[in-house]
Amino acid sequence: MSESPVPAPGTAGPTLRLDPHPRGAGVLIVRNPRSGRDVIRSDPSDLLAERLPDADIRELVEGESLDDVVDAAIRGPQPPEVLGVLGGDGSVARMAHLARRHDRPLLVLPGGTFNHFARAVGIDGVDAAIDALEAGTGVSVTAAEVSADGEEPKTVLNAVSIGTYPLVVSEREDRMDDLGKWLGGVAAIRRALRDAAPVTVSREGRRARVWSVFVSVGRNDPERLATMQRQTIDDDLLDVRLHHARGSRLRAVASLAFGHKTIAVLRAVGLMPPESDVERLVVRELKLAVTPAPGAPSVYVHDGELEEEALDGFTLRCVVVPDAVRVYAPRA
């Protein structure tokens, strides 16, 4: 894997002292019922009622957004002191954006399929998040902002991607209502094996045809190309992986694996791209002009959320933001 010089890794910051909220007084929690809907897990309603009886718990209804609920609560007679969300990475990232906007700490209650960000800050379940809320322990987390063609920046907690992975996400979302998330994902991978096409990206006067680009918040595992879960909390850098389009579609899809065991198996059978096909950049800001293949969707993904752009392409800008969000988390 070719790469630019990488600064020495930073050390994890100290535990951040936040206001404790026993019983949930002053806490707004918004549940996204669509998060992780294909995953079998116990309903946390009884747990929340038992441990946070004084919290204001809302559930999103059809056509309602996190912004709607939070903005109404902030304008209310008793604005919340903490913004909490029960959902997956997309919902957590959006609530982090609102927490930044309203200068509130964030409570993350994992309720999605993968819960990448929750695991990154040491939260392995709803109980652990409530423990941190009651103890008043947290961390200050580096984030990133992503924008396309000068649109309002969005807060990113894990990663941004263009190329093959957004194609898979786009196809999966089209099929989710009929097949569900997992079967829809299988169908999406089958389509990618048939239809994936290289994307052209331009940066600082240099053009390249790539299968994928992944931009991770903070330095990430050098063995992975699909850096969907961050590995650091306060590393004020972006770790960029570009998979140059020199191999087959099969390699393009195989490179999306992010589990260590899966990667090891795919590498053993020669399906992972060779190091020479992957370029690594470690930067604080990235600007890419993106041109999709003719007929391909013009999309990108941030924290699992799909964004559609102009058909003829777009300019993507990612910027690292130190100390962006205060998050309730177990003691370091």
Protein backbone atom coordinates (compact mmCIF):
# COMPACT_ATOMS: atom_id res chain seq x y z
CA MET A 1 0.00 0.00 0.00
CA SER A 2 1.55 3.29 -1.06
CA GLU A 3 1.07 6.15 1.36
CA SER A 4 2.06 9.66 2.26
CA PRO A 5 4.17 10.18 5.41
CA VAL A 6 2.10 9.39 8.49
CA PRO A 7 2.62 11.39 11.69
CA ALA A 8 3.06 9.43 14.91
CA PRO A 9 -0.25 8.38 16.47
CA GLY A 10 -1.63 10.60 19.20
CA THR A 11 -2.56 9.33 22.63
CA ALA A 12 -6.12 9.04 23.85
CA GLY A 13 -7.32 12.10 25.74
CA PRO A 14 -8.36 12.00 29.40
CA THR A 15 -11.85 11.27 30.59
CA LEU A 16 -14.04 14.37 30.25
CA ARG A 17 -16.13 15.41 33.23
CA LEU A 18 -19.75 16.07 32.25
CA ASP A 19 -22.80 16.84 34.36
CA PRO A 20 -24.31 13.62 35.74
CA HIS A 21 -28.02 13.06 35.09
CA PRO A 22 -29.34 10.35 37.39
CA ARG A 23 -32.86 9.23 36.42
CA GLY A 24 -32.49 11.17 33.14
CA ALA A 25 -33.74 14.57 34.29
CA GLY A 26 -32.93 17.18 31.62
CA VAL A 27 -32.25 14.53 28.96
CA LEU A 28 -34.06 14.32 25.62
CA ILE A 29 -33.85 10.88 23.95
CA VAL A 30 -35.14 10.38 20.43
CA ARG A 31 -35.72 6.85 19.14
CA ASN A 32 -35.45 6.03 15.44
CA PRO A 33 -37.66 2.93 14.97
CA ARG A 34 -36.16 2.23 11.53
CA SER A 35 -32.61 1.77 12.85
CA GLY A 36 -31.45 -1.84 12.89
CA ARG A 37 -34.93 -3.10 12.10
CA ASP A 38 -33.61 -6.40 10.72
CA VAL A 39 -31.50 -7.10 13.82
CA ILE A 40 -32.89 -9.29 16.61
CA ARG A 41 -32.38 -7.46 19.90
CA SER A 42 -34.37 -6.85 23.05
CA ASP A 43 -36.56 -3.76 23.21
CA PRO A 44 -34.90 -1.28 25.63
CA SER A 45 -38.18 0.43 26.56
CA ASP A 46 -38.42 -1.24 29.98
CA LEU A 47 -34.77 -0.53 30.71
CA LEU A 48 -35.14 3.14 29.82
CA ALA A 49 -38.31 3.44 31.89
CA GLU A 50 -36.61 1.83 34.88
CA ARG A 51 -33.29 3.67 34.80
CA LEU A 52 -34.27 7.00 33.19
CA PRO A 53 -37.83 7.64 34.37
CA ASP A 54 -37.39 11.43 34.27
CA ALA A 55 -36.04 11.57 30.69
CA ASP A 56 -38.12 12.99 27.84
CA ILE A 57 -38.29 10.06 25.40
CA ARG A 58 -39.74 10.59 21.93
CA GLU A 59 -40.10 8.24 18.96
CA LEU A 60 -39.83 9.50 15.41
CA VAL A 61 -43.04 9.13 13.43
CA GLU A 62 -43.39 8.91 9.67
CA GLY A 63 -42.23 12.12 8.01
CA GLU A 64 -40.60 13.49 11.17
CA SER A 65 -36.87 14.16 11.52
CA LEU A 66 -34.44 14.46 14.40
CA ASP A 67 -34.14 18.14 13.54
CA ASP A 68 -37.90 18.63 13.99
CA VAL A 69 -37.96 17.02 17.45
CA VAL A 70 -34.79 18.66 18.76
CA ASP A 71 -35.55 22.14 17.46
CA ALA A 72 -39.03 22.04 19.04
CA ALA A 73 -37.57 20.86 22.37
CA ILE A 74 -34.90 23.58 22.37
CA ARG A 75 -37.60 26.22 21.81
CA GLY A 76 -39.76 24.76 24.58
CA PRO A 77 -40.14 26.04 28.14
CA GLN A 78 -37.57 23.57 29.54
CA PRO A 79 -34.86 23.04 26.90
CA PRO A 80 -32.97 19.75 27.30
CA GLU A 81 -29.48 19.80 28.75
CA VAL A 82 -28.45 16.58 26.98
CA LEU A 83 -29.37 15.30 23.51
CA GLY A 84 -29.67 11.52 23.31
CA VAL A 85 -30.44 9.20 20.44
CA LEU A 86 -31.37 5.53 20.23
CA GLY A 87 -30.48 4.44 16.73
CA GLY A 88 -27.75 3.52 14.28
CA ASP A 89 -24.70 5.40 13.04
CA GLY A 90 -26.66 7.66 10.69
CA SER A 91 -29.01 8.81 13.45
CA VAL A 92 -26.12 9.22 15.89
CA ALA A 93 -24.18 11.37 13.41
CA ARG A 94 -27.20 13.57 12.79
CA MET A 95 -27.80 14.00 16.52
CA ALA A 96 -24.09 14.81 16.95
CA HIS A 97 -24.58 17.57 14.37
CA LEU A 98 -27.51 18.94 16.40
CA ALA A 99 -25.53 18.63 19.64
CA ARG A 100 -22.82 20.77 18.07
CA ARG A 101 -25.38 23.29 16.82
CA HIS A 102 -27.02 23.66 20.23
CA ASP A 103 -23.86 23.20 22.34
CA ARG A 104 -25.14 20.13 24.18
CA PRO A 105 -23.39 16.88 25.15
CA LEU A 106 -24.43 13.75 23.28
CA LEU A 107 -25.82 10.52 24.74
CA VAL A 108 -25.45 7.54 22.39
CA LEU A 109 -27.76 4.56 22.96
CA PRO A 110 -26.78 1.89 20.41
CA GLY A 111 -29.78 0.69 18.43
CA GLY A 112 -28.54 0.16 14.86
CA THR A 113 -27.15 -2.71 12.83
CA PHE A 114 -23.43 -2.11 13.43
CA ASN A 115 -23.19 0.74 15.99
CA HIS A 116 -19.67 1.59 14.83
CA PHE A 117 -19.41 4.89 16.68
CA ALA A 118 -20.85 3.59 19.95
CA ARG A 119 -18.25 0.80 19.99
CA ALA A 120 -15.49 3.29 19.15
CA VAL A 121 -16.21 5.26 22.35
CA GLY A 122 -16.54 2.11 24.46
CA ILE A 123 -20.33 1.79 24.63
CA ASP A 124 -21.35 -1.84 24.11
CA GLY A 125 -24.98 -1.48 25.11
CA VAL A 126 -27.70 0.80 26.45
CA ASP A 127 -26.78 -0.04 30.07
CA ALA A 128 -23.20 1.17 29.54
CA ALA A 129 -24.41 4.46 28.07
CA ILE A 130 -26.74 5.05 31.04
CA ASP A 131 -23.93 4.21 33.46
CA ALA A 132 -21.81 6.97 31.89
CA LEU A 133 -24.73 9.42 32.01
CA GLU A 134 -25.25 8.75 35.70
CA ALA A 135 -21.52 8.98 36.48
CA GLY A 136 -20.97 12.11 34.37
CA THR A 137 -18.03 10.62 32.45
CA GLY A 138 -17.36 11.30 28.79
CA VAL A 139 -14.88 12.04 26.04
CA SER A 140 -14.24 14.87 23.63
CA VAL A 141 -14.41 13.45 20.12
CA THR A 142 -12.84 14.64 16.89
CA ALA A 143 -15.29 14.66 13.97
CA ALA A 144 -15.25 15.73 10.35
CA GLU A 145 -17.47 17.88 8.18
CA VAL A 146 -18.41 16.81 4.67
CA SER A 147 -20.07 18.92 2.00
CA ALA A 148 -20.75 18.54 -1.71
CA ASP A 149 -20.72 21.50 -4.09
CA GLY A 150 -20.77 24.01 -1.25
CA GLU A 151 -23.85 22.61 0.51
CA GLU A 152 -24.24 22.97 4.27
CA PRO A 153 -21.61 20.72 5.92
CA LYS A 154 -22.76 17.54 7.64
CA THR A 155 -21.10 16.09 10.74
CA VAL A 156 -19.27 12.80 10.18
CA LEU A 157 -18.28 10.51 13.05
CA ASN A 158 -16.87 7.46 11.25
CA ALA A 159 -16.24 7.68 7.52
CA VAL A 160 -17.15 9.04 4.11
CA SER A 161 -17.06 6.93 0.94
CA ILE A 162 -17.51 7.23 -2.81
CA GLY A 163 -17.48 4.53 -5.48
CA THR A 164 -18.52 0.91 -5.05
CA TYR A 165 -19.79 1.07 -1.49
CA PRO A 166 -22.30 3.89 -2.14
CA LEU A 167 -23.48 1.90 -5.19
CA VAL A 168 -24.19 -1.07 -2.88
CA VAL A 169 -25.95 1.15 -0.34
CA SER A 170 -28.08 2.78 -3.05
CA GLU A 171 -29.20 -0.56 -4.45
CA ARG A 172 -29.82 -1.97 -0.96
CA GLU A 173 -32.06 0.95 -0.02
CA ASP A 174 -34.07 0.46 -3.21
CA ARG A 175 -34.72 -3.16 -2.22
CA MET A 176 -35.09 -2.87 1.57
CA ASP A 177 -38.87 -2.49 1.65
CA ASP A 178 -39.33 -5.72 -0.32
CA LEU A 179 -36.39 -7.82 0.92
CA GLY A 180 -35.22 -6.29 4.20
CA LYS A 181 -31.74 -4.97 4.89
CA TRP A 182 -29.76 -8.23 4.76
CA LEU A 183 -31.37 -9.80 1.68
CA GLY A 184 -31.42 -6.38 0.05
CA GLY A 185 -27.70 -6.17 0.74
CA VAL A 186 -27.10 -9.54 -0.93
CA ALA A 187 -29.04 -8.38 -4.00
CA ALA A 188 -27.05 -5.13 -4.02
CA ILE A 189 -23.73 -6.99 -3.97
CA ARG A 190 -24.87 -9.15 -6.88
CA ARG A 191 -25.63 -6.02 -8.86
CA ALA A 192 -22.28 -4.48 -7.96
CA LEU A 193 -20.52 -7.61 -9.22
CA ARG A 194 -22.29 -7.05 -12.54
CA ASP A 195 -22.49 -3.27 -12.89
CA ALA A 196 -19.83 -1.57 -10.72
CA ALA A 197 -17.80 0.93 -12.72
CA PRO A 198 -14.77 3.06 -11.81
CA VAL A 199 -15.26 6.61 -10.61
CA THR A 200 -12.94 9.39 -11.77
CA VAL A 201 -11.56 11.61 -9.03
CA SER A 202 -9.35 14.67 -9.31
CA ARG A 203 -7.21 16.17 -6.55
CA GLU A 204 -4.66 18.95 -6.83
CA GLY A 205 -4.41 18.57 -10.59
CA ARG A 206 -4.05 14.77 -10.53
CA ARG A 207 -6.74 12.47 -11.95
CA ALA A 208 -7.32 8.81 -11.16
CA ARG A 209 -9.89 6.09 -11.88
CA VAL A 210 -10.81 4.33 -8.65
CA TRP A 211 -13.17 1.65 -7.44
CA SER A 212 -13.53 3.26 -4.04
CA VAL A 213 -12.42 6.08 -1.78
CA PHE A 214 -12.81 5.81 1.99
CA VAL A 215 -12.14 8.78 4.28
CA SER A 216 -11.88 7.75 7.95
CA VAL A 217 -12.00 10.17 10.87
CA GLY A 218 -8.64 9.57 12.53
CA ARG A 219 -5.93 7.11 11.58
CA ASN A 220 -7.24 3.65 10.90
CA ASP A 221 -6.12 0.05 10.55
CA PRO A 222 -3.58 -0.05 7.66
CA GLU A 223 -4.80 -3.53 6.67
CA ARG A 224 -8.32 -2.34 5.85
CA LEU A 225 -9.52 -0.53 2.78
CA ALA A 226 -13.15 -0.15 3.92
CA THR A 227 -12.51 1.88 7.06
CA MET A 228 -16.15 2.08 8.16
CA GLN A 229 -15.44 2.19 11.91
CA ARG A 230 -13.01 4.70 13.34
CA GLN A 231 -10.12 3.44 15.47
CA THR A 232 -9.26 6.61 17.39
CA ILE A 233 -11.27 9.24 19.25
CA ASP A 234 -9.13 12.41 19.32
CA ASP A 235 -6.80 11.97 16.34
CA ASP A 236 -7.20 15.21 14.38
CA LEU A 237 -6.55 13.76 10.93
CA LEU A 238 -8.34 12.13 8.01
CA ASP A 239 -7.09 8.72 6.86
CA VAL A 240 -7.86 8.34 3.14
CA ARG A 241 -7.75 5.08 1.13
CA LEU A 242 -8.01 5.15 -2.66
CA HIS A 243 -8.52 1.81 -4.39
CA HIS A 244 -7.26 2.36 -7.94
CA ALA A 245 -9.26 0.60 -10.66
CA ARG A 246 -6.62 -1.87 -11.84
CA GLY A 247 -8.35 -5.10 -10.92
CA SER A 248 -11.70 -6.81 -11.41
CA ARG A 249 -15.17 -5.97 -10.11
CA LEU A 250 -14.85 -8.99 -7.86
CA ARG A 251 -11.86 -7.38 -6.14
CA ALA A 252 -13.73 -4.08 -5.97
CA VAL A 253 -16.57 -5.73 -4.04
CA ALA A 254 -14.27 -7.94 -1.91
CA SER A 255 -12.37 -4.85 -0.80
CA LEU A 256 -15.50 -3.65 1.04
CA ALA A 257 -14.99 -6.30 3.73
CA PHE A 258 -14.20 -4.77 7.13
CA GLY A 259 -14.06 -7.77 9.48
CA HIS A 260 -10.56 -9.05 10.29
CA LYS A 261 -11.44 -12.71 9.69
CA THR A 262 -13.22 -12.00 6.43
CA ILE A 263 -10.32 -9.87 5.19
CA ALA A 264 -7.84 -12.63 6.12
CA VAL A 265 -9.82 -15.25 4.17
CA LEU A 266 -10.25 -13.00 1.12
CA ARG A 267 -6.55 -12.14 1.16
CA ALA A 268 -5.62 -15.82 1.42
CA VAL A 269 -7.59 -16.65 -1.74
CA GLY A 270 -6.25 -13.62 -3.62
CA LEU A 271 -9.44 -11.55 -3.76
CA MET A 272 -8.25 -8.52 -1.80
CA PRO A 273 -6.51 -5.85 -3.91
CA PRO A 274 -2.70 -5.90 -3.79
CA GLU A 275 -0.93 -3.16 -1.85
CA SER A 276 0.16 -1.55 -5.13
CA ASP A 277 -3.50 -0.82 -6.00
CA VAL A 278 -4.22 1.07 -2.77
CA GLU A 279 -3.00 4.60 -2.06
CA ARG A 280 -3.11 6.12 1.43
CA LEU A 281 -3.18 9.80 2.36
CA VAL A 282 -3.21 11.22 5.88
CA VAL A 283 -4.43 14.81 5.74
CA ARG A 284 -6.48 17.38 7.65
CA GLU A 285 -8.57 18.38 4.66
CA LEU A 286 -9.52 16.64 1.41
CA LYS A 287 -11.10 18.08 -1.72
CA LEU A 288 -12.05 15.75 -4.57
CA ALA A 289 -13.81 16.39 -7.87
CA VAL A 290 -15.91 13.27 -8.46
CA THR A 291 -17.20 12.14 -11.87
CA PRO A 292 -19.27 8.91 -11.96
CA ALA A 293 -19.26 6.55 -14.92
CA PRO A 294 -21.96 7.25 -17.55
CA GLY A 295 -25.31 6.00 -16.27
CA ALA A 296 -23.98 5.32 -12.74
CA PRO A 297 -25.56 7.06 -9.74
CA SER A 298 -23.85 10.22 -8.53
CA VAL A 299 -23.75 9.47 -4.81
CA TYR A 300 -21.62 9.36 -1.69
CA VAL A 301 -22.12 7.87 1.77
CA HIS A 302 -21.32 9.29 5.22
CA ASP A 303 -21.84 7.12 8.32
CA GLY A 304 -24.06 4.80 6.31
CA GLU A 305 -26.29 7.62 5.00
CA LEU A 306 -26.65 7.98 1.23
CA GLU A 307 -26.50 11.39 -0.45
CA GLU A 308 -27.46 11.93 -4.11
CA GLU A 309 -25.79 14.68 -6.12
CA ALA A 310 -25.88 16.13 -9.65
CA LEU A 311 -25.69 13.43 -12.35
CA ASP A 312 -22.59 14.90 -13.98
CA GLY A 313 -20.59 14.76 -10.73
CA PHE A 314 -19.78 16.88 -7.71
CA THR A 315 -16.95 18.30 -5.63
CA LEU A 316 -16.57 16.65 -2.23
CA ARG A 317 -14.86 18.44 0.64
CA CYS A 318 -13.96 16.84 3.99
CA VAL A 319 -12.43 18.79 6.87
CA VAL A 320 -11.36 17.47 10.28
CA VAL A 321 -12.91 19.19 13.33
CA PRO A 322 -11.03 18.73 16.65
CA ASP A 323 -13.04 18.53 19.89
CA ALA A 324 -16.25 18.58 17.90
CA VAL A 325 -18.59 16.65 20.20
CA ARG A 326 -18.77 15.88 23.94
CA VAL A 327 -20.05 12.32 24.34
CA TYR A 328 -21.05 10.42 27.47
CA ALA A 329 -18.80 7.35 27.60
CA PRO A 330 -17.25 4.95 30.15
CA ARG A 331 -14.22 6.15 32.04
CA ALA A 332 -11.06 5.82 29.93
